[in-house]
Every structure is written in structure tokens, then in C-alpha cells.
């Protein structure tokens, strides 16, 4: 019987990561693109792990291709990481 992926733990967003909004008001489903871009650009190890467990890989690929917020070097890094 295949093992089921356990649901990702919740995370408390750092104010330093979301300096322009109140982190308590961020909805992980509704604001997925915004959260992923911030974590890809400025996230720490725990935030990146949470992101990988929470969102589908196809969403990362879409954001990497379409994002105007990610710097070119960051886009290149995540492009490599998302294709492993």
C-alpha cells in the first residue's frame, strides 16, 4: 500500500520575509504565488522545506517562468532545483 504524504506543518511567517504586510493576514492558499516568490527569494531553510511540502512542483515551475519579482540569478537557481 503506498504511503500517504503527511500534511505539511503550519508555519509562522517572519515579518522580515513579509515586511510589506502583516504576516498574520497571509492565507497560504489564496496568496500562494506571493508566498512562493518571497520564500524563493529570501526564505530560510525551514521556510523552503515548508514550501516544498505545501505546494505542487508544477506551481514552482509556473512561477519561475512568469515571475517578474524574482531576480534572474534566483530564477536560475530555482529552475535548476525544480528540475531535479
PDB file of N, CA and C in Angstrom:
ATOM      1  N   UNK A   1       0.843  -1.171   0.000  1.00  0.00           N
ATOM      2  CA  UNK A   1       0.000   0.000   0.000  1.00  0.00           C
ATOM      3  C   UNK A   1       0.898   1.248   0.000  1.00  0.00           C
ATOM      4  N   UNK A   2       0.681   2.199  -0.933  1.00  0.00           N
ATOM      5  CA  UNK A   2       1.533   3.395  -0.973  1.00  0.00           C
ATOM      6  C   UNK A   2       1.346   4.252   0.272  1.00  0.00           C
ATOM      7  N   UNK A   3       2.442   4.838   0.697  1.00  0.00           N
ATOM      8  CA  UNK A   3       2.357   5.712   1.870  1.00  0.00           C
ATOM      9  C   UNK A   3       1.800   7.068   1.465  1.00  0.00           C
ATOM     10  N   UNK A   4       0.993   7.612   2.334  1.00  0.00           N
ATOM     11  CA  UNK A   4       0.411   8.934   2.073  1.00  0.00           C
ATOM     12  C   UNK A   4       1.344  10.003   2.611  1.00  0.00           C
ATOM     13  N   UNK A   5       1.449  11.071   1.873  1.00  0.00           N
ATOM     14  CA  UNK A   5       2.267  12.199   2.312  1.00  0.00           C
ATOM     15  C   UNK A   5       1.559  12.886   3.476  1.00  0.00           C
ATOM     16  N   UNK A   6       2.279  13.074   4.561  1.00  0.00           N
ATOM     17  CA  UNK A   6       1.656  13.739   5.703  1.00  0.00           C
ATOM     18  C   UNK A   6       1.433  15.209   5.378  1.00  0.00           C
ATOM     19  N   UNK A   7       0.352  15.777   5.904  1.00  0.00           N
ATOM     20  CA  UNK A   7       0.090  17.185   5.609  1.00  0.00           C
ATOM     21  C   UNK A   7       1.208  18.059   6.176  1.00  0.00           C
ATOM     22  N   UNK A   8       1.557  19.111   5.457  1.00  0.00           N
ATOM     23  CA  UNK A   8       2.636  19.972   5.933  1.00  0.00           C
ATOM     24  C   UNK A   8       2.256  20.669   7.226  1.00  0.00           C
ATOM     25  N   UNK A   9       3.255  20.847   8.064  1.00  0.00           N
ATOM     26  CA  UNK A   9       3.010  21.577   9.301  1.00  0.00           C
ATOM     27  C   UNK A   9       2.722  23.035   8.973  1.00  0.00           C
ATOM     28  N   UNK A  10       2.070  23.698   9.863  1.00  0.00           N
ATOM     29  CA  UNK A  10       1.820  25.119   9.648  1.00  0.00           C
ATOM     30  C   UNK A  10       3.111  25.883   9.943  1.00  0.00           C
ATOM     31  N   UNK A  11       3.177  27.054   9.418  1.00  0.00           N
ATOM     32  CA  UNK A  11       4.372  27.863   9.598  1.00  0.00           C
ATOM     33  C   UNK A  11       3.954  29.271  10.022  1.00  0.00           C
ATOM     34  N   UNK A  12       4.756  29.862  10.838  1.00  0.00           N
ATOM     35  CA  UNK A  12       4.534  31.255  11.242  1.00  0.00           C
ATOM     36  C   UNK A  12       5.457  32.101  10.379  1.00  0.00           C
ATOM     37  N   UNK A  13       4.877  32.920   9.534  1.00  0.00           N
ATOM     38  CA  UNK A  13       5.671  33.729   8.614  1.00  0.00           C
ATOM     39  C   UNK A  13       6.419  34.829   9.346  1.00  0.00           C
ATOM     40  N   UNK A  14       7.673  34.997   8.995  1.00  0.00           N
ATOM     41  CA  UNK A  14       8.517  36.030   9.611  1.00  0.00           C
ATOM     42  C   UNK A  14       8.164  37.408   9.055  1.00  0.00           C
ATOM     43  N   UNK A  15       8.194  38.404   9.922  1.00  0.00           N
ATOM     44  CA  UNK A  15       7.941  39.780   9.495  1.00  0.00           C
ATOM     45  C   UNK A  15       9.025  40.229   8.510  1.00  0.00           C
ATOM     46  N   UNK A  16      10.255  39.763   8.694  1.00  0.00           N
ATOM     47  CA  UNK A  16      11.349  40.144   7.787  1.00  0.00           C
ATOM     48  C   UNK A  16      11.114  39.635   6.371  1.00  0.00           C
ATOM     49  N   UNK A  17      10.407  38.531   6.237  1.00  0.00           N
ATOM     50  CA  UNK A  17      10.120  37.965   4.920  1.00  0.00           C
ATOM     51  C   UNK A  17       8.953  38.701   4.255  1.00  0.00           C
ATOM     52  N   UNK A  18       8.008  39.116   5.068  1.00  0.00           N
ATOM     53  CA  UNK A  18       6.819  39.820   4.555  1.00  0.00           C
ATOM     54  C   UNK A  18       6.725  41.188   5.220  1.00  0.00           C
ATOM     55  N   UNK A  19       7.726  42.015   4.973  1.00  0.00           N
ATOM     56  CA  UNK A  19       7.834  43.326   5.610  1.00  0.00           C
ATOM     57  C   UNK A  19       6.734  44.294   5.188  1.00  0.00           C
ATOM     58  N   UNK A  20       6.118  44.042   4.034  1.00  0.00           N
ATOM     59  CA  UNK A  20       5.148  44.984   3.485  1.00  0.00           C
ATOM     60  C   UNK A  20       3.700  44.689   3.870  1.00  0.00           C
ATOM     61  N   UNK A  21       3.473  43.581   4.589  1.00  0.00           N
ATOM     62  CA  UNK A  21       2.127  43.225   5.044  1.00  0.00           C
ATOM     63  C   UNK A  21       2.216  42.635   6.448  1.00  0.00           C
ATOM     64  N   UNK A  22       1.073  42.488   7.087  1.00  0.00           N
ATOM     65  CA  UNK A  22       1.027  41.805   8.374  1.00  0.00           C
ATOM     66  C   UNK A  22       1.053  40.306   8.089  1.00  0.00           C
ATOM     67  N   UNK A  23       2.104  39.595   8.488  1.00  0.00           N
ATOM     68  CA  UNK A  23       2.208  38.162   8.186  1.00  0.00           C
ATOM     69  C   UNK A  23       1.015  37.339   8.675  1.00  0.00           C
ATOM     70  N   UNK A  24       0.322  37.803   9.692  1.00  0.00           N
ATOM     71  CA  UNK A  24      -0.833  37.065  10.217  1.00  0.00           C
ATOM     72  C   UNK A  24      -2.000  37.065   9.240  1.00  0.00           C
ATOM     73  N   UNK A  25      -2.012  37.985   8.288  1.00  0.00           N
ATOM     74  CA  UNK A  25      -3.127  38.087   7.342  1.00  0.00           C
ATOM     75  C   UNK A  25      -2.895  37.283   6.064  1.00  0.00           C
ATOM     76  N   UNK A  26      -1.772  36.638   5.955  1.00  0.00           N
ATOM     77  CA  UNK A  26      -1.441  35.895   4.735  1.00  0.00           C
ATOM     78  C   UNK A  26      -2.116  34.526   4.763  1.00  0.00           C
ATOM     79  N   UNK A  27      -2.830  34.218   3.700  1.00  0.00           N
ATOM     80  CA  UNK A  27      -3.502  32.929   3.544  1.00  0.00           C
ATOM     81  C   UNK A  27      -2.667  32.069   2.598  1.00  0.00           C
ATOM     82  N   UNK A  28      -2.151  30.914   3.061  1.00  0.00           N
ATOM     83  CA  UNK A  28      -1.277  30.079   2.223  1.00  0.00           C
ATOM     84  C   UNK A  28      -1.897  29.632   0.906  1.00  0.00           C
ATOM     85  N   UNK A  29      -3.210  29.438   0.846  1.00  0.00           N
ATOM     86  CA  UNK A  29      -3.835  29.040  -0.417  1.00  0.00           C
ATOM     87  C   UNK A  29      -4.078  30.251  -1.308  1.00  0.00           C
ATOM     88  N   UNK A  30      -4.677  31.262  -0.751  1.00  0.00           N
ATOM     89  CA  UNK A  30      -5.054  32.453  -1.515  1.00  0.00           C
ATOM     90  C   UNK A  30      -3.838  33.231  -2.013  1.00  0.00           C
ATOM     91  N   UNK A  31      -2.775  33.274  -1.231  1.00  0.00           N
ATOM     92  CA  UNK A  31      -1.588  34.062  -1.560  1.00  0.00           C
ATOM     93  C   UNK A  31      -0.386  33.191  -1.925  1.00  0.00           C
ATOM     94  N   UNK A  32      -0.635  32.033  -2.507  1.00  0.00           N
ATOM     95  CA  UNK A  32       0.433  31.068  -2.803  1.00  0.00           C
ATOM     96  C   UNK A  32       1.556  31.669  -3.644  1.00  0.00           C
ATOM     97  N   UNK A  33       1.225  32.354  -4.716  1.00  0.00           N
ATOM     98  CA  UNK A  33       2.256  32.915  -5.603  1.00  0.00           C
ATOM     99  C   UNK A  33       3.138  33.911  -4.843  1.00  0.00           C
ATOM    100  N   UNK A  34       2.531  34.774  -4.095  1.00  0.00           N
ATOM    101  CA  UNK A  34       3.243  35.783  -3.312  1.00  0.00           C
ATOM    102  C   UNK A  34       4.175  35.109  -2.302  1.00  0.00           C
ATOM    103  N   UNK A  35       3.663  34.108  -1.607  1.00  0.00           N
ATOM    104  CA  UNK A  35       4.454  33.396  -0.601  1.00  0.00           C
ATOM    105  C   UNK A  35       5.634  32.683  -1.249  1.00  0.00           C
ATOM    106  N   UNK A  36       5.376  31.984  -2.330  1.00  0.00           N
ATOM    107  CA  UNK A  36       6.441  31.236  -3.008  1.00  0.00           C
ATOM    108  C   UNK A  36       7.528  32.172  -3.512  1.00  0.00           C
ATOM    109  N   UNK A  37       7.145  33.278  -4.121  1.00  0.00           N
ATOM    110  CA  UNK A  37       8.157  34.227  -4.605  1.00  0.00           C
ATOM    111  C   UNK A  37       9.023  34.739  -3.461  1.00  0.00           C
ATOM    112  N   UNK A  38       8.408  35.086  -2.344  1.00  0.00           N
ATOM    113  CA  UNK A  38       9.176  35.591  -1.204  1.00  0.00           C
ATOM    114  C   UNK A  38      10.110  34.522  -0.632  1.00  0.00           C
ATOM    115  N   UNK A  39       9.594  33.310  -0.498  1.00  0.00           N
ATOM    116  CA  UNK A  39      10.430  32.246   0.054  1.00  0.00           C
ATOM    117  C   UNK A  39      11.551  31.896  -0.913  1.00  0.00           C
ATOM    118  N   UNK A  40      11.262  31.850  -2.197  1.00  0.00           N
ATOM    119  CA  UNK A  40      12.321  31.568  -3.175  1.00  0.00           C
ATOM    120  C   UNK A  40      13.408  32.632  -3.112  1.00  0.00           C
ATOM    121  N   UNK A  41      13.017  33.864  -2.916  1.00  0.00           N
ATOM    122  CA  UNK A  41      13.964  34.971  -2.925  1.00  0.00           C
ATOM    123  C   UNK A  41      14.685  35.149  -1.587  1.00  0.00           C
ATOM    124  N   UNK A  42      13.966  35.029  -0.479  1.00  0.00           N
ATOM    125  CA  UNK A  42      14.531  35.410   0.821  1.00  0.00           C
ATOM    126  C   UNK A  42      14.321  34.394   1.944  1.00  0.00           C
ATOM    127  N   UNK A  43      13.758  33.230   1.624  1.00  0.00           N
ATOM    128  CA  UNK A  43      13.405  32.269   2.658  1.00  0.00           C
ATOM    129  C   UNK A  43      14.589  31.561   3.298  1.00  0.00           C
ATOM    130  N   UNK A  44      14.376  31.116   4.539  1.00  0.00           N
ATOM    131  CA  UNK A  44      15.399  30.327   5.220  1.00  0.00           C
ATOM    132  C   UNK A  44      15.111  28.835   4.982  1.00  0.00           C
ATOM    133  N   UNK A  45      15.947  27.966   5.536  1.00  0.00           N
ATOM    134  CA  UNK A  45      15.818  26.523   5.295  1.00  0.00           C
ATOM    135  C   UNK A  45      14.441  25.984   5.695  1.00  0.00           C
ATOM    136  N   UNK A  46      13.954  26.374   6.867  1.00  0.00           N
ATOM    137  CA  UNK A  46      12.649  25.886   7.325  1.00  0.00           C
ATOM    138  C   UNK A  46      11.522  26.336   6.401  1.00  0.00           C
ATOM    139  N   UNK A  47      11.591  27.568   5.929  1.00  0.00           N
ATOM    140  CA  UNK A  47      10.553  28.091   5.034  1.00  0.00           C
ATOM    141  C   UNK A  47      10.588  27.379   3.682  1.00  0.00           C
ATOM    142  N   UNK A  48      11.781  27.104   3.186  1.00  0.00           N
ATOM    143  CA  UNK A  48      11.905  26.395   1.913  1.00  0.00           C
ATOM    144  C   UNK A  48      11.371  24.973   2.049  1.00  0.00           C
ATOM    145  N   UNK A  49      11.713  24.292   3.139  1.00  0.00           N
ATOM    146  CA  UNK A  49      11.186  22.940   3.368  1.00  0.00           C
ATOM    147  C   UNK A  49       9.656  22.952   3.418  1.00  0.00           C
ATOM    148  N   UNK A  50       9.114  23.924   4.150  1.00  0.00           N
ATOM    149  CA  UNK A  50       7.658  24.046   4.248  1.00  0.00           C
ATOM    150  C   UNK A  50       7.056  24.267   2.865  1.00  0.00           C
ATOM    151  N   UNK A  51       7.661  25.135   2.069  1.00  0.00           N
ATOM    152  CA  UNK A  51       7.170  25.438   0.725  1.00  0.00           C
ATOM    153  C   UNK A  51       7.146  24.175  -0.138  1.00  0.00           C
ATOM    154  N   UNK A  52       8.239  23.391  -0.118  1.00  0.00           N
ATOM    155  CA  UNK A  52       8.319  22.160  -0.919  1.00  0.00           C
ATOM    156  C   UNK A  52       7.231  21.180  -0.514  1.00  0.00           C
ATOM    157  N   UNK A  53       6.898  21.121   0.780  1.00  0.00           N
ATOM    158  CA  UNK A  53       5.886  20.184   1.280  1.00  0.00           C
ATOM    159  C   UNK A  53       4.461  20.674   1.043  1.00  0.00           C
ATOM    160  N   UNK A  54       4.296  21.966   0.886  1.00  0.00           N
ATOM    161  CA  UNK A  54       2.967  22.556   0.828  1.00  0.00           C
ATOM    162  C   UNK A  54       2.427  22.720  -0.584  1.00  0.00           C
ATOM    163  N   UNK A  55       3.276  23.100  -1.511  1.00  0.00           N
ATOM    164  CA  UNK A  55       2.810  23.448  -2.854  1.00  0.00           C
ATOM    165  C   UNK A  55       3.290  22.447  -3.902  1.00  0.00           C
ATOM    166  N   UNK A  56       2.507  22.286  -4.975  1.00  0.00           N
ATOM    167  CA  UNK A  56       2.910  21.347  -6.035  1.00  0.00           C
ATOM    168  C   UNK A  56       4.075  21.892  -6.861  1.00  0.00           C
ATOM    169  N   UNK A  57       4.901  20.971  -7.323  1.00  0.00           N
ATOM    170  CA  UNK A  57       6.090  21.330  -8.103  1.00  0.00           C
ATOM    171  C   UNK A  57       5.721  22.108  -9.369  1.00  0.00           C
ATOM    172  N   UNK A  58       4.590  21.774  -9.968  1.00  0.00           N
ATOM    173  CA  UNK A  58       4.175  22.468 -11.201  1.00  0.00           C
ATOM    174  C   UNK A  58       3.964  23.963 -10.959  1.00  0.00           C
ATOM    175  N   UNK A  59       3.516  24.315  -9.745  1.00  0.00           N
ATOM    176  CA  UNK A  59       3.318  25.719  -9.408  1.00  0.00           C
ATOM    177  C   UNK A  59       4.653  26.445  -9.336  1.00  0.00           C
ATOM    178  N   UNK A  60       5.685  25.784  -8.804  1.00  0.00           N
ATOM    179  CA  UNK A  60       7.024  26.389  -8.763  1.00  0.00           C
ATOM    180  C   UNK A  60       7.489  26.699 -10.182  1.00  0.00           C
ATOM    181  N   UNK A  61       7.325  25.730 -11.064  1.00  0.00           N
ATOM    182  CA  UNK A  61       7.778  25.909 -12.449  1.00  0.00           C
ATOM    183  C   UNK A  61       7.058  27.082 -13.117  1.00  0.00           C
ATOM    184  N   UNK A  62       5.757  27.175 -12.892  1.00  0.00           N
ATOM    185  CA  UNK A  62       4.978  28.272 -13.470  1.00  0.00           C
ATOM    186  C   UNK A  62       5.460  29.628 -12.936  1.00  0.00           C
ATOM    187  N   UNK A  63       5.691  29.691 -11.641  1.00  0.00           N
ATOM    188  CA  UNK A  63       6.147  30.944 -11.032  1.00  0.00           C
ATOM    189  C   UNK A  63       7.535  31.319 -11.529  1.00  0.00           C
ATOM    190  N   UNK A  64       8.417  30.354 -11.636  1.00  0.00           N
ATOM    191  CA  UNK A  64       9.777  30.619 -12.128  1.00  0.00           C
ATOM    192  C   UNK A  64       9.726  31.208 -13.537  1.00  0.00           C
ATOM    193  N   UNK A  65       8.864  30.683 -14.364  1.00  0.00           N
ATOM    194  CA  UNK A  65       8.761  31.163 -15.749  1.00  0.00           C
ATOM    195  C   UNK A  65       8.133  32.557 -15.823  1.00  0.00           C
ATOM    196  N   UNK A  66       7.079  32.795 -15.038  1.00  0.00           N
ATOM    197  CA  UNK A  66       6.291  34.019 -15.191  1.00  0.00           C
ATOM    198  C   UNK A  66       6.597  35.153 -14.220  1.00  0.00           C
ATOM    199  N   UNK A  67       7.323  34.872 -13.166  1.00  0.00           N
ATOM    200  CA  UNK A  67       7.523  35.885 -12.125  1.00  0.00           C
ATOM    201  C   UNK A  67       8.349  37.069 -12.611  1.00  0.00           C
ATOM    202  N   UNK A  68       7.875  38.244 -12.256  1.00  0.00           N
ATOM    203  CA  UNK A  68       8.641  39.464 -12.501  1.00  0.00           C
ATOM    204  C   UNK A  68       9.314  39.937 -11.222  1.00  0.00           C
ATOM    205  N   UNK A  69       8.973  39.275 -10.102  1.00  0.00           N
ATOM    206  CA  UNK A  69       9.525  39.666  -8.812  1.00  0.00           C
ATOM    207  C   UNK A  69      10.863  38.993  -8.521  1.00  0.00           C
ATOM    208  N   UNK A  70      11.098  37.824  -9.103  1.00  0.00           N
ATOM    209  CA  UNK A  70      12.341  37.107  -8.828  1.00  0.00           C
ATOM    210  C   UNK A  70      13.494  37.654  -9.660  1.00  0.00           C
ATOM    211  N   UNK A  71      14.627  37.811  -9.008  1.00  0.00           N
ATOM    212  CA  UNK A  71      15.824  38.262  -9.716  1.00  0.00           C
ATOM    213  C   UNK A  71      16.333  37.142 -10.639  1.00  0.00           C
ATOM    214  N   UNK A  72      17.023  37.486 -11.727  1.00  0.00           N
ATOM    215  CA  UNK A  72      17.478  36.464 -12.679  1.00  0.00           C
ATOM    216  C   UNK A  72      18.301  35.338 -12.047  1.00  0.00           C
ATOM    217  N   UNK A  73      19.214  35.650 -11.149  1.00  0.00           N
ATOM    218  CA  UNK A  73      20.012  34.609 -10.501  1.00  0.00           C
ATOM    219  C   UNK A  73      19.175  33.679  -9.648  1.00  0.00           C
ATOM    220  N   UNK A  74      18.179  34.238  -8.983  1.00  0.00           N
ATOM    221  CA  UNK A  74      17.271  33.441  -8.155  1.00  0.00           C
ATOM    222  C   UNK A  74      16.429  32.537  -9.054  1.00  0.00           C
ATOM    223  N   UNK A  75      15.951  33.081 -10.163  1.00  0.00           N
ATOM    224  CA  UNK A  75      15.178  32.277 -11.113  1.00  0.00           C
ATOM    225  C   UNK A  75      15.999  31.097 -11.623  1.00  0.00           C
ATOM    226  N   UNK A  76      17.256  31.355 -11.978  1.00  0.00           N
ATOM    227  CA  UNK A  76      18.121  30.288 -12.482  1.00  0.00           C
ATOM    228  C   UNK A  76      18.326  29.195 -11.437  1.00  0.00           C
ATOM    229  N   UNK A  77      18.577  29.585 -10.206  1.00  0.00           N
ATOM    230  CA  UNK A  77      18.765  28.615  -9.137  1.00  0.00           C
ATOM    231  C   UNK A  77      17.522  27.743  -8.978  1.00  0.00           C
ATOM    232  N   UNK A  78      16.350  28.365  -8.884  1.00  0.00           N
ATOM    233  CA  UNK A  78      15.120  27.599  -8.674  1.00  0.00           C
ATOM    234  C   UNK A  78      14.743  26.784  -9.899  1.00  0.00           C
ATOM    235  N   UNK A  79      15.118  27.244 -11.078  1.00  0.00           N
ATOM    236  CA  UNK A  79      14.880  26.450 -12.278  1.00  0.00           C
ATOM    237  C   UNK A  79      15.661  25.140 -12.180  1.00  0.00           C
ATOM    238  N   UNK A  80      16.902  25.220 -11.759  1.00  0.00           N
ATOM    239  CA  UNK A  80      17.728  24.021 -11.601  1.00  0.00           C
ATOM    240  C   UNK A  80      17.149  23.118 -10.502  1.00  0.00           C
ATOM    241  N   UNK A  81      16.816  23.694  -9.361  1.00  0.00           N
ATOM    242  CA  UNK A  81      16.307  22.908  -8.239  1.00  0.00           C
ATOM    243  C   UNK A  81      14.961  22.241  -8.546  1.00  0.00           C
ATOM    244  N   UNK A  82      14.130  22.905  -9.299  1.00  0.00           N
ATOM    245  CA  UNK A  82      12.795  22.352  -9.576  1.00  0.00           C
ATOM    246  C   UNK A  82      12.813  21.267 -10.644  1.00  0.00           C
ATOM    247  N   UNK A  83      13.928  21.095 -11.320  1.00  0.00           N
ATOM    248  CA  UNK A  83      14.027  20.060 -12.351  1.00  0.00           C
ATOM    249  C   UNK A  83      14.841  18.849 -11.911  1.00  0.00           C
ATOM    250  N   UNK A  84      15.052  18.731 -10.616  1.00  0.00           N
ATOM    251  CA  UNK A  84      15.817  17.572 -10.105  1.00  0.00           C
ATOM    252  C   UNK A  84      14.888  16.466  -9.733  1.00  0.00           C
TER     253      UNK A  84
END
